[in-house]
Amino acid sequence: MATTNPALRREVINIYKELLYLGREYPLGYNYFRPRLHKAFISNASLTDDEEIRQAIKRAEFVKKEIEAL
């Protein structure tokens, strides 16, 4: 993990925290939302290419906008 771009790592952590915060208001409940969010992020934990990480961040931003729209 030490070879990962620290700026991208911060972005990933920040979007995770933002989504976790938004999950408190998720219609199906926080206990439904949190494990699924965690699973989604863990499934991308092996990404090492900066461009792939940026694409995953963009997907997370899209999900964030969708949750805010609920």
PDB file of N, CA and C in Angstrom:
ATOM      1  N   MET A   1       0.817  -1.193   0.000  1.00  0.00           N
ATOM      2  CA  MET A   1       0.000   0.000   0.000  1.00  0.00           C
ATOM      3  C   MET A   1       0.862   1.257   0.000  1.00  0.00           C
ATOM      4  N   ALA A   2       2.086   1.162   0.418  1.00  0.00           N
ATOM      5  CA  ALA A   2       2.966   2.327   0.506  1.00  0.00           C
ATOM      6  C   ALA A   2       3.261   2.928  -0.862  1.00  0.00           C
ATOM      7  N   THR A   3       3.124   2.143  -1.924  1.00  0.00           N
ATOM      8  CA  THR A   3       3.408   2.660  -3.262  1.00  0.00           C
ATOM      9  C   THR A   3       2.224   3.419  -3.846  1.00  0.00           C
ATOM     10  N   THR A   4       1.079   3.365  -3.191  1.00  0.00           N
ATOM     11  CA  THR A   4      -0.108   4.053  -3.682  1.00  0.00           C
ATOM     12  C   THR A   4       0.044   5.561  -3.520  1.00  0.00           C
ATOM     13  N   ASN A   5      -0.473   6.275  -4.493  1.00  0.00           N
ATOM     14  CA  ASN A   5      -0.476   7.731  -4.480  1.00  0.00           C
ATOM     15  C   ASN A   5      -1.220   8.219  -3.223  1.00  0.00           C
ATOM     16  N   PRO A   6      -0.534   8.950  -2.329  1.00  0.00           N
ATOM     17  CA  PRO A   6      -1.177   9.382  -1.080  1.00  0.00           C
ATOM     18  C   PRO A   6      -2.379  10.308  -1.297  1.00  0.00           C
ATOM     19  N   ALA A   7      -2.352  11.108  -2.341  1.00  0.00           N
ATOM     20  CA  ALA A   7      -3.479  11.998  -2.614  1.00  0.00           C
ATOM     21  C   ALA A   7      -4.717  11.190  -2.995  1.00  0.00           C
ATOM     22  N   LEU A   8      -4.522  10.153  -3.799  1.00  0.00           N
ATOM     23  CA  LEU A   8      -5.647   9.297  -4.174  1.00  0.00           C
ATOM     24  C   LEU A   8      -6.166   8.529  -2.963  1.00  0.00           C
ATOM     25  N   ARG A   9      -5.256   8.084  -2.124  1.00  0.00           N
ATOM     26  CA  ARG A   9      -5.656   7.368  -0.908  1.00  0.00           C
ATOM     27  C   ARG A   9      -6.548   8.249  -0.035  1.00  0.00           C
ATOM     28  N   ARG A  10      -6.150   9.519   0.110  1.00  0.00           N
ATOM     29  CA  ARG A  10      -6.966  10.467   0.880  1.00  0.00           C
ATOM     30  C   ARG A  10      -8.344  10.645   0.253  1.00  0.00           C
ATOM     31  N   GLU A  11      -8.379  10.735  -1.084  1.00  0.00           N
ATOM     32  CA  GLU A  11      -9.661  10.890  -1.782  1.00  0.00           C
ATOM     33  C   GLU A  11     -10.574   9.700  -1.516  1.00  0.00           C
ATOM     34  N   VAL A  12      -9.996   8.503  -1.584  1.00  0.00           N
ATOM     35  CA  VAL A  12     -10.779   7.286  -1.357  1.00  0.00           C
ATOM     36  C   VAL A  12     -11.322   7.276   0.074  1.00  0.00           C
ATOM     37  N   ILE A  13     -10.488   7.594   1.024  1.00  0.00           N
ATOM     38  CA  ILE A  13     -10.922   7.607   2.420  1.00  0.00           C
ATOM     39  C   ILE A  13     -12.015   8.661   2.632  1.00  0.00           C
ATOM     40  N   ASN A  14     -11.848   9.827   2.016  1.00  0.00           N
ATOM     41  CA  ASN A  14     -12.846  10.889   2.171  1.00  0.00           C
ATOM     42  C   ASN A  14     -14.191  10.502   1.566  1.00  0.00           C
ATOM     43  N   ILE A  15     -14.191   9.917   0.370  1.00  0.00           N
ATOM     44  CA  ILE A  15     -15.467   9.540  -0.250  1.00  0.00           C
ATOM     45  C   ILE A  15     -16.118   8.414   0.546  1.00  0.00           C
ATOM     46  N   TYR A  16     -15.305   7.514   1.112  1.00  0.00           N
ATOM     47  CA  TYR A  16     -15.853   6.450   1.953  1.00  0.00           C
ATOM     48  C   TYR A  16     -16.551   7.056   3.172  1.00  0.00           C
ATOM     49  N   LYS A  17     -15.899   8.016   3.816  1.00  0.00           N
ATOM     50  CA  LYS A  17     -16.482   8.658   4.996  1.00  0.00           C
ATOM     51  C   LYS A  17     -17.762   9.414   4.640  1.00  0.00           C
ATOM     52  N   GLU A  18     -17.747  10.093   3.490  1.00  0.00           N
ATOM     53  CA  GLU A  18     -18.938  10.829   3.064  1.00  0.00           C
ATOM     54  C   GLU A  18     -20.102   9.875   2.811  1.00  0.00           C
ATOM     55  N   LEU A  19     -19.817   8.763   2.131  1.00  0.00           N
ATOM     56  CA  LEU A  19     -20.871   7.790   1.858  1.00  0.00           C
ATOM     57  C   LEU A  19     -21.369   7.155   3.153  1.00  0.00           C
ATOM     58  N   LEU A  20     -20.469   6.877   4.063  1.00  0.00           N
ATOM     59  CA  LEU A  20     -20.852   6.310   5.356  1.00  0.00           C
ATOM     60  C   LEU A  20     -21.790   7.277   6.089  1.00  0.00           C
ATOM     61  N   TYR A  21     -21.470   8.559   6.045  1.00  0.00           N
ATOM     62  CA  TYR A  21     -22.300   9.584   6.679  1.00  0.00           C
ATOM     63  C   TYR A  21     -23.688   9.631   6.027  1.00  0.00           C
ATOM     64  N   LEU A  22     -23.718   9.616   4.690  1.00  0.00           N
ATOM     65  CA  LEU A  22     -24.993   9.656   3.982  1.00  0.00           C
ATOM     66  C   LEU A  22     -25.812   8.395   4.245  1.00  0.00           C
ATOM     67  N   GLY A  23     -25.134   7.291   4.507  1.00  0.00           N
ATOM     68  CA  GLY A  23     -25.813   6.021   4.750  1.00  0.00           C
ATOM     69  C   GLY A  23     -26.707   6.036   5.971  1.00  0.00           C
ATOM     70  N   ARG A  24     -26.481   6.974   6.870  1.00  0.00           N
ATOM     71  CA  ARG A  24     -27.329   7.070   8.066  1.00  0.00           C
ATOM     72  C   ARG A  24     -28.782   7.375   7.695  1.00  0.00           C
ATOM     73  N   GLU A  25     -28.971   8.054   6.575  1.00  0.00           N
ATOM     74  CA  GLU A  25     -30.315   8.432   6.135  1.00  0.00           C
ATOM     75  C   GLU A  25     -30.847   7.504   5.041  1.00  0.00           C
ATOM     76  N   TYR A  26     -30.124   6.423   4.736  1.00  0.00           N
ATOM     77  CA  TYR A  26     -30.528   5.517   3.657  1.00  0.00           C
ATOM     78  C   TYR A  26     -31.875   4.883   3.999  1.00  0.00           C
ATOM     79  N   PRO A  27     -32.803   4.819   3.022  1.00  0.00           N
ATOM     80  CA  PRO A  27     -34.154   4.309   3.314  1.00  0.00           C
ATOM     81  C   PRO A  27     -34.196   2.901   3.933  1.00  0.00           C
ATOM     82  N   LEU A  28     -33.306   2.028   3.522  1.00  0.00           N
ATOM     83  CA  LEU A  28     -33.329   0.667   4.068  1.00  0.00           C
ATOM     84  C   LEU A  28     -32.551   0.550   5.375  1.00  0.00           C
ATOM     85  N   GLY A  29     -31.973   1.642   5.822  1.00  0.00           N
ATOM     86  CA  GLY A  29     -31.293   1.663   7.110  1.00  0.00           C
ATOM     87  C   GLY A  29     -29.784   1.549   7.014  1.00  0.00           C
ATOM     88  N   TYR A  30     -29.136   2.065   8.029  1.00  0.00           N
ATOM     89  CA  TYR A  30     -27.673   2.073   8.098  1.00  0.00           C
ATOM     90  C   TYR A  30     -27.112   0.656   8.168  1.00  0.00           C
ATOM     91  N   ASN A  31     -27.799  -0.224   8.895  1.00  0.00           N
ATOM     92  CA  ASN A  31     -27.327  -1.605   9.031  1.00  0.00           C
ATOM     93  C   ASN A  31     -27.391  -2.372   7.719  1.00  0.00           C
ATOM     94  N   TYR A  32     -28.216  -1.923   6.788  1.00  0.00           N
ATOM     95  CA  TYR A  32     -28.259  -2.499   5.447  1.00  0.00           C
ATOM     96  C   TYR A  32     -27.161  -1.883   4.581  1.00  0.00           C
ATOM     97  N   PHE A  33     -26.992  -0.582   4.714  1.00  0.00           N
ATOM     98  CA  PHE A  33     -26.101   0.181   3.846  1.00  0.00           C
ATOM     99  C   PHE A  33     -24.613  -0.076   4.117  1.00  0.00           C
ATOM    100  N   ARG A  34     -24.211  -0.030   5.384  1.00  0.00           N
ATOM    101  CA  ARG A  34     -22.796  -0.086   5.740  1.00  0.00           C
ATOM    102  C   ARG A  34     -22.070  -1.338   5.242  1.00  0.00           C
ATOM    103  N   PRO A  35     -22.599  -2.547   5.449  1.00  0.00           N
ATOM    104  CA  PRO A  35     -21.866  -3.730   4.961  1.00  0.00           C
ATOM    105  C   PRO A  35     -21.711  -3.739   3.438  1.00  0.00           C
ATOM    106  N   ARG A  36     -22.702  -3.227   2.738  1.00  0.00           N
ATOM    107  CA  ARG A  36     -22.622  -3.193   1.271  1.00  0.00           C
ATOM    108  C   ARG A  36     -21.590  -2.173   0.796  1.00  0.00           C
ATOM    109  N   LEU A  37     -21.538  -1.046   1.479  1.00  0.00           N
ATOM    110  CA  LEU A  37     -20.527  -0.034   1.159  1.00  0.00           C
ATOM    111  C   LEU A  37     -19.138  -0.605   1.406  1.00  0.00           C
ATOM    112  N   HIS A  38     -18.967  -1.240   2.551  1.00  0.00           N
ATOM    113  CA  HIS A  38     -17.670  -1.828   2.898  1.00  0.00           C
ATOM    114  C   HIS A  38     -17.254  -2.868   1.861  1.00  0.00           C
ATOM    115  N   LYS A  39     -18.194  -3.726   1.469  1.00  0.00           N
ATOM    116  CA  LYS A  39     -17.913  -4.765   0.477  1.00  0.00           C
ATOM    117  C   LYS A  39     -17.492  -4.153  -0.863  1.00  0.00           C
ATOM    118  N   ALA A  40     -18.165  -3.079  -1.265  1.00  0.00           N
ATOM    119  CA  ALA A  40     -17.838  -2.409  -2.528  1.00  0.00           C
ATOM    120  C   ALA A  40     -16.424  -1.844  -2.497  1.00  0.00           C
ATOM    121  N   PHE A  41     -16.044  -1.242  -1.382  1.00  0.00           N
ATOM    122  CA  PHE A  41     -14.703  -0.661  -1.280  1.00  0.00           C
ATOM    123  C   PHE A  41     -13.638  -1.748  -1.168  1.00  0.00           C
ATOM    124  N   ILE A  42     -13.911  -2.803  -0.430  1.00  0.00           N
ATOM    125  CA  ILE A  42     -12.955  -3.900  -0.285  1.00  0.00           C
ATOM    126  C   ILE A  42     -12.726  -4.583  -1.631  1.00  0.00           C
ATOM    127  N   SER A  43     -13.772  -4.693  -2.451  1.00  0.00           N
ATOM    128  CA  SER A  43     -13.622  -5.346  -3.749  1.00  0.00           C
ATOM    129  C   SER A  43     -12.679  -4.570  -4.672  1.00  0.00           C
ATOM    130  N   ASN A  44     -12.488  -3.274  -4.391  1.00  0.00           N
ATOM    131  CA  ASN A  44     -11.579  -2.449  -5.189  1.00  0.00           C
ATOM    132  C   ASN A  44     -10.257  -2.175  -4.479  1.00  0.00           C
ATOM    133  N   ALA A  45     -10.050  -2.785  -3.347  1.00  0.00           N
ATOM    134  CA  ALA A  45      -8.844  -2.525  -2.552  1.00  0.00           C
ATOM    135  C   ALA A  45      -7.568  -2.965  -3.258  1.00  0.00           C
ATOM    136  N   SER A  46      -7.688  -3.895  -4.177  1.00  0.00           N
ATOM    137  CA  SER A  46      -6.496  -4.397  -4.860  1.00  0.00           C
ATOM    138  C   SER A  46      -6.069  -3.525  -6.043  1.00  0.00           C
ATOM    139  N   LEU A  47      -6.833  -2.491  -6.355  1.00  0.00           N
ATOM    140  CA  LEU A  47      -6.472  -1.616  -7.474  1.00  0.00           C
ATOM    141  C   LEU A  47      -5.154  -0.900  -7.170  1.00  0.00           C
ATOM    142  N   THR A  48      -4.263  -0.887  -8.148  1.00  0.00           N
ATOM    143  CA  THR A  48      -2.983  -0.210  -7.960  1.00  0.00           C
ATOM    144  C   THR A  48      -2.741   0.862  -9.014  1.00  0.00           C
ATOM    145  N   ASP A  49      -3.395   0.744 -10.173  1.00  0.00           N
ATOM    146  CA  ASP A  49      -3.227   1.722 -11.237  1.00  0.00           C
ATOM    147  C   ASP A  49      -3.981   3.007 -10.889  1.00  0.00           C
ATOM    148  N   ASP A  50      -3.291   4.138 -10.946  1.00  0.00           N
ATOM    149  CA  ASP A  50      -3.899   5.420 -10.583  1.00  0.00           C
ATOM    150  C   ASP A  50      -5.170   5.698 -11.378  1.00  0.00           C
ATOM    151  N   GLU A  51      -5.162   5.382 -12.665  1.00  0.00           N
ATOM    152  CA  GLU A  51      -6.331   5.650 -13.495  1.00  0.00           C
ATOM    153  C   GLU A  51      -7.522   4.784 -13.075  1.00  0.00           C
ATOM    154  N   GLU A  52      -7.275   3.527 -12.745  1.00  0.00           N
ATOM    155  CA  GLU A  52      -8.355   2.652 -12.274  1.00  0.00           C
ATOM    156  C   GLU A  52      -8.922   3.171 -10.953  1.00  0.00           C
ATOM    157  N   ILE A  53      -8.061   3.664 -10.088  1.00  0.00           N
ATOM    158  CA  ILE A  53      -8.508   4.211  -8.802  1.00  0.00           C
ATOM    159  C   ILE A  53      -9.358   5.457  -9.046  1.00  0.00           C
ATOM    160  N   ARG A  54      -8.939   6.304  -9.992  1.00  0.00           N
ATOM    161  CA  ARG A  54      -9.724   7.508 -10.315  1.00  0.00           C
ATOM    162  C   ARG A  54     -11.107   7.133 -10.846  1.00  0.00           C
ATOM    163  N   GLN A  55     -11.172   6.089 -11.673  1.00  0.00           N
ATOM    164  CA  GLN A  55     -12.466   5.622 -12.195  1.00  0.00           C
ATOM    165  C   GLN A  55     -13.361   5.128 -11.061  1.00  0.00           C
ATOM    166  N   ALA A  56     -12.776   4.415 -10.107  1.00  0.00           N
ATOM    167  CA  ALA A  56     -13.545   3.924  -8.960  1.00  0.00           C
ATOM    168  C   ALA A  56     -14.041   5.097  -8.110  1.00  0.00           C
ATOM    169  N   ILE A  57     -13.230   6.130  -7.967  1.00  0.00           N
ATOM    170  CA  ILE A  57     -13.646   7.322  -7.224  1.00  0.00           C
ATOM    171  C   ILE A  57     -14.812   7.997  -7.938  1.00  0.00           C
ATOM    172  N   LYS A  58     -14.754   8.060  -9.276  1.00  0.00           N
ATOM    173  CA  LYS A  58     -15.849   8.651 -10.048  1.00  0.00           C
ATOM    174  C   LYS A  58     -17.145   7.868  -9.838  1.00  0.00           C
ATOM    175  N   ARG A  59     -17.050   6.532  -9.814  1.00  0.00           N
ATOM    176  CA  ARG A  59     -18.230   5.707  -9.556  1.00  0.00           C
ATOM    177  C   ARG A  59     -18.791   6.000  -8.166  1.00  0.00           C
ATOM    178  N   ALA A  60     -17.895   6.148  -7.188  1.00  0.00           N
ATOM    179  CA  ALA A  60     -18.329   6.446  -5.823  1.00  0.00           C
ATOM    180  C   ALA A  60     -19.001   7.816  -5.756  1.00  0.00           C
ATOM    181  N   GLU A  61     -18.471   8.788  -6.490  1.00  0.00           N
ATOM    182  CA  GLU A  61     -19.087  10.122  -6.537  1.00  0.00           C
ATOM    183  C   GLU A  61     -20.493  10.038  -7.132  1.00  0.00           C
ATOM    184  N   PHE A  62     -20.660   9.202  -8.170  1.00  0.00           N
ATOM    185  CA  PHE A  62     -21.969   9.022  -8.788  1.00  0.00           C
ATOM    186  C   PHE A  62     -22.940   8.422  -7.772  1.00  0.00           C
ATOM    187  N   VAL A  63     -22.501   7.411  -7.050  1.00  0.00           N
ATOM    188  CA  VAL A  63     -23.352   6.782  -6.027  1.00  0.00           C
ATOM    189  C   VAL A  63     -23.727   7.808  -4.965  1.00  0.00           C
ATOM    190  N   LYS A  64     -22.764   8.649  -4.590  1.00  0.00           N
ATOM    191  CA  LYS A  64     -23.023   9.694  -3.596  1.00  0.00           C
ATOM    192  C   LYS A  64     -24.153  10.621  -4.080  1.00  0.00           C
ATOM    193  N   LYS A  65     -24.086  11.034  -5.335  1.00  0.00           N
ATOM    194  CA  LYS A  65     -25.119  11.922  -5.888  1.00  0.00           C
ATOM    195  C   LYS A  65     -26.474  11.221  -5.903  1.00  0.00           C
ATOM    196  N   GLU A  66     -26.487   9.940  -6.220  1.00  0.00           N
ATOM    197  CA  GLU A  66     -27.732   9.176  -6.234  1.00  0.00           C
ATOM    198  C   GLU A  66     -28.329   9.092  -4.832  1.00  0.00           C
ATOM    199  N   ILE A  67     -27.495   8.869  -3.838  1.00  0.00           N
ATOM    200  CA  ILE A  67     -27.999   8.778  -2.461  1.00  0.00           C
ATOM    201  C   ILE A  67     -28.521  10.128  -2.003  1.00  0.00           C
ATOM    202  N   GLU A  68     -27.823  11.191  -2.367  1.00  0.00           N
ATOM    203  CA  GLU A  68     -28.280  12.537  -1.989  1.00  0.00           C
ATOM    204  C   GLU A  68     -29.628  12.852  -2.615  1.00  0.00           C
ATOM    205  N   ALA A  69     -29.905  12.270  -3.775  1.00  0.00           N
ATOM    206  CA  ALA A  69     -31.161  12.527  -4.476  1.00  0.00           C
ATOM    207  C   ALA A  69     -32.337  11.800  -3.823  1.00  0.00           C
ATOM    208  N   LEU A  70     -32.058  10.802  -3.018  1.00  0.00           N
ATOM    209  CA  LEU A  70     -33.157  10.029  -2.366  1.00  0.00           C
ATOM    210  C   LEU A  70     -33.906  10.856  -1.362  1.00  0.00           C
TER     211      LEU A  70
END
